[in-house]
Protein backbone atom coordinates (compact mmCIF):
# COMPACT_ATOMS: atom_id res chain seq x y z
CA UNK A 1 -7.98 -12.72 -8.15
CA UNK A 2 -4.80 -13.08 -6.16
CA UNK A 3 -5.05 -11.93 -2.57
CA UNK A 4 -2.10 -11.58 -0.28
CA UNK A 5 -3.09 -9.98 2.99
CA UNK A 6 0.51 -9.82 4.17
CA UNK A 7 1.37 -7.60 1.18
CA UNK A 8 -1.71 -5.44 1.70
CA UNK A 9 -0.92 -5.01 5.40
CA UNK A 10 2.71 -4.15 4.67
CA UNK A 11 1.67 -1.60 2.03
CA UNK A 12 -0.82 0.05 4.38
CA UNK A 13 1.62 0.18 7.27
CA UNK A 14 4.77 1.24 5.44
CA UNK A 15 3.62 3.09 2.33
CA UNK A 16 0.08 4.43 2.26
CA UNK A 17 0.15 5.97 5.71
CA UNK A 18 3.12 8.07 4.58
CA UNK A 19 1.65 8.94 1.18
CA UNK A 20 0.23 12.43 1.57
CA UNK A 21 -0.89 14.33 -1.53
CA UNK A 22 -2.77 17.15 0.20
CA UNK A 23 -0.24 19.80 -0.82
CA UNK A 24 -0.76 18.86 -4.48
CA UNK A 25 -4.57 18.94 -4.56
CA UNK A 26 -4.65 22.64 -5.45
CA UNK A 27 -2.85 21.83 -8.69
CA UNK A 28 -5.72 19.76 -10.04
CA UNK A 29 -7.18 21.86 -12.86
CA UNK A 30 -9.80 19.52 -14.31
CA UNK A 31 -13.44 19.12 -13.29
CA UNK A 32 -13.45 16.82 -10.28
CA UNK A 33 -16.21 14.98 -8.49
CA UNK A 34 -15.44 13.67 -5.02
CA UNK A 35 -17.91 11.00 -3.88
CA UNK A 36 -18.06 9.40 -0.46
CA UNK A 37 -20.31 7.10 1.53
CA UNK A 38 -21.46 8.58 4.84
CA UNK A 39 -20.73 5.26 6.58
CA UNK A 40 -17.33 4.73 4.91
CA UNK A 41 -15.01 3.11 7.46
CA UNK A 42 -11.91 3.52 5.28
CA UNK A 43 -12.19 7.05 3.88
CA UNK A 44 -14.15 8.80 6.57
CA UNK A 45 -16.29 11.78 5.65
CA UNK A 46 -13.84 14.29 7.10
CA UNK A 47 -11.06 12.96 4.85
CA UNK A 48 -13.24 13.15 1.75
CA UNK A 49 -14.24 16.72 2.66
CA UNK A 50 -10.56 17.58 3.02
CA UNK A 51 -9.92 16.31 -0.51
CA UNK A 52 -12.91 18.25 -1.82
CA UNK A 53 -11.80 21.50 -0.16
CA UNK A 54 -8.29 21.01 -1.50
CA UNK A 55 -9.35 20.73 -5.16
CA UNK A 56 -10.47 24.11 -6.52
CA UNK A 57 -14.01 24.03 -7.91
CA UNK A 58 -14.56 20.37 -7.13
CA UNK A 59 -18.03 19.00 -6.48
CA UNK A 60 -18.79 16.83 -3.48
CA UNK A 61 -21.50 14.18 -3.09
CA UNK A 62 -22.19 12.11 0.01
CA UNK A 63 -24.21 8.91 -0.33
CA UNK A 64 -26.11 8.68 2.93
CA UNK A 65 -26.78 4.93 2.83
CA UNK A 66 -23.33 3.82 1.70
CA UNK A 67 -20.07 2.65 3.14
CA UNK A 68 -16.79 2.40 1.21
CA UNK A 69 -18.49 1.31 -2.02
CA UNK A 70 -21.40 3.60 -2.91
CA UNK A 71 -21.39 2.16 -6.44
CA UNK A 72 -22.45 -1.15 -4.87
CA UNK A 73 -24.49 0.14 -1.92
CA UNK A 74 -26.59 2.67 -3.86
CA UNK A 75 -25.98 1.61 -7.44
CA UNK A 76 -28.84 3.44 -9.15
CA UNK A 77 -28.25 6.71 -7.31
CA UNK A 78 -24.50 6.43 -7.88
CA UNK A 79 -24.91 5.96 -11.64
CA UNK A 80 -27.51 8.73 -11.88
CA UNK A 81 -25.28 11.11 -9.92
CA UNK A 82 -22.26 10.32 -12.05
CA UNK A 83 -24.12 10.67 -15.35
CA UNK A 84 -25.66 13.98 -14.26
CA UNK A 85 -22.27 15.31 -13.21
CA UNK A 86 -20.60 14.21 -16.47
CA UNK A 87 -23.33 15.83 -18.55
CA UNK A 88 -22.89 19.13 -16.66
CA UNK A 89 -19.12 19.07 -17.02
């Protein structure tokens, strides 16, 4: 894996902070599952809820013992949740 923190910092500062898709969320017409870790330091719960509310009919799951990577923090629950959601949709 190649890691260049200067590139990542530049991208965050000059690109991602200006990249706002909120006005387009309502156009998503496929089943959508928004998942978030309660302790996520990067995508805080309020931001994930905003995405969920913006996508019509989306489902929202919060992993209470997870940070930014619920698939790693609560692997079994994450997989179970995802499989259940896929089977219902």
